[in-house]
Amino acid sequence: MEMKVFGAISALLLTAGITFAVHSSAQIQDQNDIIRQLNSDDTEQRIEAFYQIKEKGLARDNKELQTALLNLLDKENRLVDGALRESAQQVGASARYGEGYSEYHAWLAELVMSFADLNDRRTLSILMHSSYHPTSRFIKKMFVSRAEQVVPILIELSHSDLSIRRAEAIETLEFLLTDYRDKISDGTAKAVKQSLTERLSDSDPEIRLQVEHSLQKLQRINR
């Protein structure tokens, strides 16, 4: 009797082990397939894979998928800027890659932000090169936690060859000095003002006008 019970238990454990192994193998295969989709040159495949990850919460505590998503955001940022360059800033990403692209790009940045290591310079740079409003919740969070670290990235963006990026960076730097001045040192604030002043000679007249207004606003605040 005991031998029969032992045999039955052994059979159950063996079956369970085989089932677990098969399940684990399937999960690894599924993840590999998703990562391949994320790396695809086909925009629709990348978007489909991303939403699958987002809706199922697959990136939670999964370092491999988190790294893949960070690299994906970097890729999408470059595609967005590339589309602007190729069209002399006349055609945005949605016009080139489809109506839902901008929303996808924004959701991607938000998901990456949820697990990002903000102590890593590359991660910070990728996030700051994504699309956002200069006074958005995303920027406020960055200024509260990493203002000193993001300033050099914003100054770099204020010298971008794309006037759209320069304008965004200038507005973001102005917001930093007007609303989050206490988050940066005097030396950093001076560097920001110097960077803004340099843009008074920008090749784009709209940028020059924007900088004039920003500097006037800052002068009024500091009186």
C-alpha atoms as a PDB file:
ATOM      1  CA  MET A   1       0.000   0.000   0.000  1.00  0.00           C
ATOM      2  CA  GLU A   2       2.762   2.401   0.989  1.00  0.00           C
ATOM      3  CA  MET A   3       4.635   1.635  -2.214  1.00  0.00           C
ATOM      4  CA  LYS A   4       1.531   2.442  -4.273  1.00  0.00           C
ATOM      5  CA  VAL A   5       1.041   5.786  -2.471  1.00  0.00           C
ATOM      6  CA  PHE A   6       4.721   6.622  -2.882  1.00  0.00           C
ATOM      7  CA  GLY A   7       4.531   5.722  -6.555  1.00  0.00           C
ATOM      8  CA  ALA A   8       1.450   7.872  -7.052  1.00  0.00           C
ATOM      9  CA  ILE A   9       3.086  10.850  -5.332  1.00  0.00           C
ATOM     10  CA  SER A  10       6.250  10.417  -7.373  1.00  0.00           C
ATOM     11  CA  ALA A  11       4.198  10.332 -10.567  1.00  0.00           C
ATOM     12  CA  LEU A  12       2.356  13.524  -9.569  1.00  0.00           C
ATOM     13  CA  LEU A  13       5.599  15.309  -8.740  1.00  0.00           C
ATOM     14  CA  LEU A  14       7.137  14.212 -12.025  1.00  0.00           C
ATOM     15  CA  THR A  15       4.077  15.418 -13.955  1.00  0.00           C
ATOM     16  CA  ALA A  16       4.125  18.730 -12.097  1.00  0.00           C
ATOM     17  CA  GLY A  17       7.831  19.131 -12.797  1.00  0.00           C
ATOM     18  CA  ILE A  18       7.369  18.461 -16.482  1.00  0.00           C
ATOM     19  CA  THR A  19       4.403  20.879 -16.621  1.00  0.00           C
ATOM     20  CA  PHE A  20       6.418  23.613 -14.866  1.00  0.00           C
ATOM     21  CA  ALA A  21       9.379  23.089 -17.181  1.00  0.00           C
ATOM     22  CA  VAL A  22       7.164  23.278 -20.265  1.00  0.00           C
ATOM     23  CA  HIS A  23       5.415  26.386 -18.893  1.00  0.00           C
ATOM     24  CA  SER A  24       8.737  28.077 -18.071  1.00  0.00           C
ATOM     25  CA  SER A  25      10.092  27.231 -21.513  1.00  0.00           C
ATOM     26  CA  ALA A  26       6.973  28.697 -23.122  1.00  0.00           C
ATOM     27  CA  GLN A  27       7.315  31.885 -21.054  1.00  0.00           C
ATOM     28  CA  ILE A  28      10.955  32.293 -22.145  1.00  0.00           C
ATOM     29  CA  GLN A  29       9.935  31.723 -25.767  1.00  0.00           C
ATOM     30  CA  ASP A  30       7.103  34.260 -25.450  1.00  0.00           C
ATOM     31  CA  GLN A  31       9.479  36.816 -23.955  1.00  0.00           C
ATOM     32  CA  ASN A  32      12.049  36.237 -26.684  1.00  0.00           C
ATOM     33  CA  ASP A  33       9.325  36.699 -29.303  1.00  0.00           C
ATOM     34  CA  ILE A  34       8.223  39.959 -27.666  1.00  0.00           C
ATOM     35  CA  ILE A  35      11.789  41.288 -27.558  1.00  0.00           C
ATOM     36  CA  ARG A  36      12.219  40.393 -31.226  1.00  0.00           C
ATOM     37  CA  GLN A  37       9.055  42.378 -31.978  1.00  0.00           C
ATOM     38  CA  LEU A  38      10.342  45.334 -29.960  1.00  0.00           C
ATOM     39  CA  ASN A  39      13.491  45.295 -32.107  1.00  0.00           C
ATOM     40  CA  SER A  40      11.554  45.018 -35.352  1.00  0.00           C
ATOM     41  CA  ASP A  41      11.858  47.618 -38.120  1.00  0.00           C
ATOM     42  CA  ASP A  42       8.084  47.350 -38.498  1.00  0.00           C
ATOM     43  CA  THR A  43       6.458  50.120 -36.446  1.00  0.00           C
ATOM     44  CA  GLU A  44       3.178  48.241 -36.025  1.00  0.00           C
ATOM     45  CA  GLN A  45       4.989  45.214 -34.607  1.00  0.00           C
ATOM     46  CA  ARG A  46       6.839  47.367 -32.067  1.00  0.00           C
ATOM     47  CA  ILE A  47       3.631  49.086 -31.008  1.00  0.00           C
ATOM     48  CA  GLU A  48       1.770  45.788 -30.704  1.00  0.00           C
ATOM     49  CA  ALA A  49       4.545  44.267 -28.574  1.00  0.00           C
ATOM     50  CA  PHE A  50       4.692  47.343 -26.339  1.00  0.00           C
ATOM     51  CA  TYR A  51       0.959  47.361 -25.615  1.00  0.00           C
ATOM     52  CA  GLN A  52       1.082  43.648 -24.849  1.00  0.00           C
ATOM     53  CA  ILE A  53       3.782  44.348 -22.249  1.00  0.00           C
ATOM     54  CA  LYS A  54       1.923  47.334 -20.834  1.00  0.00           C
ATOM     55  CA  GLU A  55      -1.493  45.692 -20.572  1.00  0.00           C
ATOM     56  CA  LYS A  56      -0.162  42.478 -19.004  1.00  0.00           C
ATOM     57  CA  GLY A  57       2.352  44.209 -16.729  1.00  0.00           C
ATOM     58  CA  LEU A  58       5.125  42.023 -18.122  1.00  0.00           C
ATOM     59  CA  ALA A  59       7.921  44.527 -17.449  1.00  0.00           C
ATOM     60  CA  ARG A  60       7.342  44.522 -13.700  1.00  0.00           C
ATOM     61  CA  ASP A  61      10.488  43.167 -12.018  1.00  0.00           C
ATOM     62  CA  ASN A  62      11.749  41.933 -15.403  1.00  0.00           C
ATOM     63  CA  LYS A  63      15.160  43.511 -16.040  1.00  0.00           C
ATOM     64  CA  GLU A  64      15.521  42.067 -19.526  1.00  0.00           C
ATOM     65  CA  LEU A  65      12.242  43.573 -20.728  1.00  0.00           C
ATOM     66  CA  GLN A  66      13.001  46.844 -18.937  1.00  0.00           C
ATOM     67  CA  THR A  67      16.306  47.117 -20.790  1.00  0.00           C
ATOM     68  CA  ALA A  68      14.553  46.314 -24.067  1.00  0.00           C
ATOM     69  CA  LEU A  69      11.960  49.038 -23.422  1.00  0.00           C
ATOM     70  CA  LEU A  70      14.615  51.617 -22.555  1.00  0.00           C
ATOM     71  CA  ASN A  71      16.437  50.816 -25.807  1.00  0.00           C
ATOM     72  CA  LEU A  72      13.109  51.003 -27.647  1.00  0.00           C
ATOM     73  CA  LEU A  73      12.440  54.492 -26.275  1.00  0.00           C
ATOM     74  CA  ASP A  74      15.899  55.549 -27.433  1.00  0.00           C
ATOM     75  CA  LYS A  75      15.119  54.178 -30.904  1.00  0.00           C
ATOM     76  CA  GLU A  76      11.723  55.916 -31.103  1.00  0.00           C
ATOM     77  CA  ASN A  77      13.238  59.232 -29.965  1.00  0.00           C
ATOM     78  CA  ARG A  78      15.740  59.028 -32.818  1.00  0.00           C
ATOM     79  CA  LEU A  79      13.017  58.133 -35.313  1.00  0.00           C
ATOM     80  CA  VAL A  80      10.927  61.129 -34.240  1.00  0.00           C
ATOM     81  CA  ASP A  81      13.858  63.525 -34.614  1.00  0.00           C
ATOM     82  CA  GLY A  82      14.852  61.839 -37.861  1.00  0.00           C
ATOM     83  CA  ALA A  83      11.383  62.417 -39.310  1.00  0.00           C
ATOM     84  CA  LEU A  84      11.602  66.089 -38.355  1.00  0.00           C
ATOM     85  CA  ARG A  85      15.043  66.487 -39.953  1.00  0.00           C
ATOM     86  CA  GLU A  86      14.100  64.756 -43.187  1.00  0.00           C
ATOM     87  CA  SER A  87      11.019  66.938 -43.604  1.00  0.00           C
ATOM     88  CA  ALA A  88      12.610  70.233 -42.505  1.00  0.00           C
ATOM     89  CA  GLN A  89      10.406  69.976 -39.379  1.00  0.00           C
ATOM     90  CA  GLN A  90       7.230  69.967 -41.479  1.00  0.00           C
ATOM     91  CA  VAL A  91       6.186  66.346 -40.847  1.00  0.00           C
ATOM     92  CA  GLY A  92       5.793  64.937 -37.350  1.00  0.00           C
ATOM     93  CA  ALA A  93       5.984  61.326 -36.211  1.00  0.00           C
ATOM     94  CA  SER A  94       2.217  60.742 -36.332  1.00  0.00           C
ATOM     95  CA  ALA A  95       2.045  61.806 -39.972  1.00  0.00           C
ATOM     96  CA  ARG A  96       4.855  59.423 -40.872  1.00  0.00           C
ATOM     97  CA  TYR A  97       4.188  56.455 -38.592  1.00  0.00           C
ATOM     98  CA  GLY A  98       0.432  56.609 -38.073  1.00  0.00           C
ATOM     99  CA  GLU A  99      -2.185  58.427 -36.038  1.00  0.00           C
ATOM    100  CA  GLY A 100      -1.603  56.523 -32.796  1.00  0.00           C
ATOM    101  CA  TYR A 101       2.179  56.835 -32.830  1.00  0.00           C
ATOM    102  CA  SER A 102       2.477  59.922 -30.621  1.00  0.00           C
ATOM    103  CA  GLU A 103       0.229  58.368 -27.977  1.00  0.00           C
ATOM    104  CA  TYR A 104       2.278  55.170 -28.087  1.00  0.00           C
ATOM    105  CA  HIS A 105       5.509  57.155 -27.733  1.00  0.00           C
ATOM    106  CA  ALA A 106       4.136  59.009 -24.710  1.00  0.00           C
ATOM    107  CA  TRP A 107       2.946  55.774 -23.040  1.00  0.00           C
ATOM    108  CA  LEU A 108       6.326  54.191 -23.704  1.00  0.00           C
ATOM    109  CA  ALA A 109       8.150  57.069 -21.995  1.00  0.00           C
ATOM    110  CA  GLU A 110       5.765  56.876 -19.031  1.00  0.00           C
ATOM    111  CA  LEU A 111       6.297  53.132 -18.612  1.00  0.00           C
ATOM    112  CA  VAL A 112      10.077  53.498 -18.811  1.00  0.00           C
ATOM    113  CA  MET A 113       9.888  56.297 -16.236  1.00  0.00           C
ATOM    114  CA  SER A 114       8.092  53.932 -13.832  1.00  0.00           C
ATOM    115  CA  PHE A 115      11.111  51.645 -13.507  1.00  0.00           C
ATOM    116  CA  ALA A 116      13.996  53.848 -14.720  1.00  0.00           C
ATOM    117  CA  ASP A 117      17.255  54.128 -12.804  1.00  0.00           C
ATOM    118  CA  LEU A 118      17.531  57.913 -12.640  1.00  0.00           C
ATOM    119  CA  ASN A 119      21.081  57.651 -11.340  1.00  0.00           C
ATOM    120  CA  ASP A 120      22.127  56.374 -14.754  1.00  0.00           C
ATOM    121  CA  ARG A 121      23.148  59.191 -17.113  1.00  0.00           C
ATOM    122  CA  ARG A 122      22.159  57.352 -20.299  1.00  0.00           C
ATOM    123  CA  THR A 123      18.701  56.586 -18.903  1.00  0.00           C
ATOM    124  CA  LEU A 124      18.204  60.225 -17.921  1.00  0.00           C
ATOM    125  CA  SER A 125      19.307  61.370 -21.358  1.00  0.00           C
ATOM    126  CA  ILE A 126      16.931  59.000 -23.159  1.00  0.00           C
ATOM    127  CA  LEU A 127      14.007  60.159 -21.008  1.00  0.00           C
ATOM    128  CA  MET A 128      14.849  63.835 -21.508  1.00  0.00           C
ATOM    129  CA  HIS A 129      15.054  63.312 -25.280  1.00  0.00           C
ATOM    130  CA  SER A 130      11.523  61.889 -25.379  1.00  0.00           C
ATOM    131  CA  SER A 131       8.450  63.985 -26.148  1.00  0.00           C
ATOM    132  CA  TYR A 132       6.920  65.931 -23.252  1.00  0.00           C
ATOM    133  CA  HIS A 133       5.422  69.289 -22.397  1.00  0.00           C
ATOM    134  CA  PRO A 134       7.975  71.623 -20.749  1.00  0.00           C
ATOM    135  CA  THR A 135       5.792  72.017 -17.627  1.00  0.00           C
ATOM    136  CA  SER A 136       4.440  68.455 -17.524  1.00  0.00           C
ATOM    137  CA  ARG A 137       4.213  66.156 -14.502  1.00  0.00           C
ATOM    138  CA  PHE A 138       7.170  64.275 -15.958  1.00  0.00           C
ATOM    139  CA  ILE A 139       9.365  67.387 -15.903  1.00  0.00           C
ATOM    140  CA  LYS A 140       8.185  68.359 -12.420  1.00  0.00           C
ATOM    141  CA  LYS A 141       9.178  64.927 -11.152  1.00  0.00           C
ATOM    142  CA  MET A 142      12.579  65.255 -12.799  1.00  0.00           C
ATOM    143  CA  PHE A 143      13.168  68.686 -11.276  1.00  0.00           C
ATOM    144  CA  VAL A 144      12.165  67.526  -7.789  1.00  0.00           C
ATOM    145  CA  SER A 145      14.461  64.506  -7.820  1.00  0.00           C
ATOM    146  CA  ARG A 146      17.217  65.144 -10.406  1.00  0.00           C
ATOM    147  CA  ALA A 147      17.311  68.851 -11.310  1.00  0.00           C
ATOM    148  CA  GLU A 148      21.098  69.181 -11.199  1.00  0.00           C
ATOM    149  CA  GLN A 149      21.572  66.071 -13.330  1.00  0.00           C
ATOM    150  CA  VAL A 150      19.116  67.031 -16.087  1.00  0.00           C
ATOM    151  CA  VAL A 151      20.364  70.595 -16.565  1.00  0.00           C
ATOM    152  CA  PRO A 152      23.376  69.592 -18.746  1.00  0.00           C
ATOM    153  CA  ILE A 153      21.048  67.496 -20.909  1.00  0.00           C
ATOM    154  CA  LEU A 154      18.620  70.393 -21.322  1.00  0.00           C
ATOM    155  CA  ILE A 155      21.456  72.779 -22.159  1.00  0.00           C
ATOM    156  CA  GLU A 156      22.617  70.298 -24.795  1.00  0.00           C
ATOM    157  CA  LEU A 157      19.075  70.149 -26.196  1.00  0.00           C
ATOM    158  CA  SER A 158      18.920  73.957 -26.303  1.00  0.00           C
ATOM    159  CA  HIS A 159      21.727  73.732 -28.891  1.00  0.00           C
ATOM    160  CA  SER A 160      19.975  71.062 -31.000  1.00  0.00           C
ATOM    161  CA  ASP A 161      19.962  71.425 -34.780  1.00  0.00           C
ATOM    162  CA  LEU A 162      16.147  71.158 -34.527  1.00  0.00           C
ATOM    163  CA  SER A 163      14.526  74.466 -33.600  1.00  0.00           C
ATOM    164  CA  ILE A 164      11.558  72.567 -32.135  1.00  0.00           C
ATOM    165  CA  ARG A 165      13.890  70.860 -29.644  1.00  0.00           C
ATOM    166  CA  ARG A 166      15.668  74.127 -28.853  1.00  0.00           C
ATOM    167  CA  ALA A 167      12.356  75.843 -28.134  1.00  0.00           C
ATOM    168  CA  GLU A 168      11.219  73.006 -25.844  1.00  0.00           C
ATOM    169  CA  ALA A 169      14.505  73.020 -23.940  1.00  0.00           C
ATOM    170  CA  ILE A 170      14.460  76.794 -23.504  1.00  0.00           C
ATOM    171  CA  GLU A 171      10.921  76.741 -22.133  1.00  0.00           C
ATOM    172  CA  THR A 172      11.848  73.877 -19.802  1.00  0.00           C
ATOM    173  CA  LEU A 173      14.926  75.726 -18.521  1.00  0.00           C
ATOM    174  CA  GLU A 174      12.831  78.832 -17.925  1.00  0.00           C
ATOM    175  CA  PHE A 175      10.346  76.729 -15.939  1.00  0.00           C
ATOM    176  CA  LEU A 176      13.229  75.378 -13.865  1.00  0.00           C
ATOM    177  CA  LEU A 177      14.439  78.873 -12.954  1.00  0.00           C
ATOM    178  CA  THR A 178      10.979  80.241 -12.214  1.00  0.00           C
ATOM    179  CA  ASP A 179       9.436  77.343 -10.288  1.00  0.00           C
ATOM    180  CA  TYR A 180      12.266  75.048  -9.132  1.00  0.00           C
ATOM    181  CA  ARG A 181      15.173  77.432  -8.539  1.00  0.00           C
ATOM    182  CA  ASP A 182      15.694  75.998  -5.036  1.00  0.00           C
ATOM    183  CA  LYS A 183      16.512  72.593  -6.558  1.00  0.00           C
ATOM    184  CA  ILE A 184      19.740  73.786  -8.199  1.00  0.00           C
ATOM    185  CA  SER A 185      22.918  75.485  -7.012  1.00  0.00           C
ATOM    186  CA  ASP A 186      23.846  79.103  -7.768  1.00  0.00           C
ATOM    187  CA  GLY A 187      26.502  77.850 -10.173  1.00  0.00           C
ATOM    188  CA  THR A 188      23.998  75.734 -12.085  1.00  0.00           C
ATOM    189  CA  ALA A 189      21.509  78.618 -12.235  1.00  0.00           C
ATOM    190  CA  LYS A 190      24.259  80.839 -13.650  1.00  0.00           C
ATOM    191  CA  ALA A 191      25.075  78.214 -16.299  1.00  0.00           C
ATOM    192  CA  VAL A 192      21.399  78.025 -17.285  1.00  0.00           C
ATOM    193  CA  LYS A 193      21.134  81.808 -17.654  1.00  0.00           C
ATOM    194  CA  GLN A 194      24.340  81.861 -19.683  1.00  0.00           C
ATOM    195  CA  SER A 195      22.966  79.165 -21.978  1.00  0.00           C
ATOM    196  CA  LEU A 196      19.746  81.120 -22.477  1.00  0.00           C
ATOM    197  CA  THR A 197      21.682  84.313 -23.195  1.00  0.00           C
ATOM    198  CA  GLU A 198      23.688  82.517 -25.905  1.00  0.00           C
ATOM    199  CA  ARG A 199      20.446  81.697 -27.711  1.00  0.00           C
ATOM    200  CA  LEU A 200      19.809  85.422 -28.250  1.00  0.00           C
ATOM    201  CA  SER A 201      21.910  84.951 -31.382  1.00  0.00           C
ATOM    202  CA  ASP A 202      19.955  81.864 -32.513  1.00  0.00           C
ATOM    203  CA  SER A 203      19.475  81.476 -36.255  1.00  0.00           C
ATOM    204  CA  ASP A 204      15.697  81.193 -35.768  1.00  0.00           C
ATOM    205  CA  PRO A 205      14.013  84.588 -35.086  1.00  0.00           C
ATOM    206  CA  GLU A 206      11.210  82.895 -33.150  1.00  0.00           C
ATOM    207  CA  ILE A 207      13.764  81.332 -30.811  1.00  0.00           C
ATOM    208  CA  ARG A 208      15.452  84.712 -30.303  1.00  0.00           C
ATOM    209  CA  LEU A 209      12.100  86.252 -29.418  1.00  0.00           C
ATOM    210  CA  GLN A 210      11.297  83.383 -27.054  1.00  0.00           C
ATOM    211  CA  VAL A 211      14.625  83.830 -25.258  1.00  0.00           C
ATOM    212  CA  GLU A 212      14.101  87.585 -24.937  1.00  0.00           C
ATOM    213  CA  HIS A 213      10.744  86.977 -23.252  1.00  0.00           C
ATOM    214  CA  SER A 214      12.247  84.318 -20.968  1.00  0.00           C
ATOM    215  CA  LEU A 215      15.095  86.560 -19.846  1.00  0.00           C
ATOM    216  CA  GLN A 216      12.721  89.479 -19.269  1.00  0.00           C
ATOM    217  CA  LYS A 217      10.474  87.250 -17.168  1.00  0.00           C
ATOM    218  CA  LEU A 218      13.416  86.039 -15.111  1.00  0.00           C
ATOM    219  CA  GLN A 219      14.620  89.611 -14.620  1.00  0.00           C
ATOM    220  CA  ARG A 220      11.211  90.655 -13.273  1.00  0.00           C
ATOM    221  CA  ILE A 221      11.127  87.689 -10.874  1.00  0.00           C
ATOM    222  CA  ASN A 222      14.624  88.452  -9.536  1.00  0.00           C
ATOM    223  CA  ARG A 223      13.955  92.134  -8.786  1.00  0.00           C
END
